[in-house]
Amino acid sequence: MKIAYFDCPTGIAGDMCLGALVDAGVPLAYLEQQLGRLAMHQEFHLQAQTVKKVGIQGTQVTVHLTETPATRHLPEIEAIIQQAGLPAQATAWALASFRALAAAEGAVHGVPPSAVHFHEVGAVDAIVDIVGTCLGLDWLGIEQIVCSGLPFGGGTVIAAHGRMPVPTPAVVKLWQSRQVPVFSNGIHKELVTPTGAAIVCALAHHFGECPALVVQTVGMGAGTRDLSIPNLLRLWVGESTPNFSGSERSHAHAHEHSHSGPTHSHSHSESHSESSPSHSPSHAHPHEEVVALLETQLDDTSPQVLGYLFDCLPAAGALDMYLTPVAMKKNRPGVLLTVLCHPPQARACEEVLFRETMTLGIRRDYRTRAVLGRRFETVQTNFGAVPVKVSHRAGAVYTVQPEYEDCRRLAQATGQPLKNIHAAALQAYEAQR
């Protein structure tokens, strides 16, 4: 099965969907040719350009209007789509998206979906965004669509009915209709537009983490705003991997935690101790991702509680955490506690810190990091079998690390020094290459 995964660390909008699809290989000329079949094709033209957001490259697609957009109702929009002679799957997806949006707008304003005045939502650019996205997904041969959790945003936005809180009422209704998981990434802007929400709420099979798949291409769709983190929608396209079962995946995840979990006596090493991301593709492939960085200083927390935190935080979704000695006010020695997690888990990790410590505030920042691919291999030594973690990128192996807990178990069972077990595992790995 061919899967499209919408990864939305900074939200989703119709133009970001178009940008991600073009970046993933959908020809702009194909979209222009198909959209030219719409009855209102003379009212717009498309432009695609390569841009950078916080140093990360993506594609931005802009719908330029050549005429003042008209206010349309759902039946008019359905007729435009149905009469265009587009591919059947694209037509069905586009109709479903607009019907979902009409149902949400109708529920907000207390009118039937067919009576909704779409205003700017039904304007030319929104029709192009939705229909173009459905055309692009169909061109890629997508059979199933999955979407990550969506950021909450904040602030207000000017709409046809006046100033609205963010997320807007229609977006909230769409989220409610699909029980969409939402999170705060600390950015108080409109991050999810009604058009973007309608596309994924109508088309996504489910919301959550990326299913197991072999990645074929990744499209980066740029938004118009410049934010503190890359304002990019990531579209992962690949084939499902039925032989990689959920139980195998869970076992691999548990294996990492059981052998690389935090200890009370030293910091967590980011390169060796991350758990699988909650809404990003598996670390089997190298990639870039956005992580939340949480920090708080503590000068009144006992070492026992700090040790207990290192047990609680991974369960809340922490990827990494460490302590740094600091000198605080009133000449008090203290520690700076730093926690890394994926944005959807930031609130859960903050809840642990507020619950278990006396801190009154937690700083939150967002960073983009490059992650090496990882795989586990088991080598046979004279002392027994040892799993080793192999990190790689572009076919090159960077590090090979025997799993500490397995080495320790064999050292205790055989009476051999731990360093001998560790060295034997490395030698066995080199011998089998």
Foldseek 3Di string as FASTA:
>chain_A
DKEKEKEAQQAFDLQLLLFQLVQQPDPPVVLLVLCCLFPCSVQWDKDKDWDDFVRHIAITIDIGTPDDWDWDFLVVLLCRLVRSPHPPQLSVLLNLLLQLLLPLQCVVVVHHSRPDGCVVCPTPVLSSSSSSSSNSCVVLVHDAYEYEAGEQAFDWDQDPVGIATTVGSSLVSLCVVQVGHYFHQPHRDRRYDSSGSSSCSRGHPHYKADAAWDFDGKHWGQDDDHDQGGRTIIMTIGGHDVVCDPVNVVVVQVVLCVQQADALPFWRDLQRRFGAATHYDGLQAKDKDKKKKKKDKDQDDDSVLSRVLSVVQVVLFWGTKGWDWDQDPPRGIIIMIMTIGHRSSPVSNVVSPVVRGVDPDMDMDMDMDIHFRWDWDWFAFPLGIWIWIWTDHPPGTDDIFTRQVVLVVSCVVPVNDSVVSRVRRVVRVVVVD
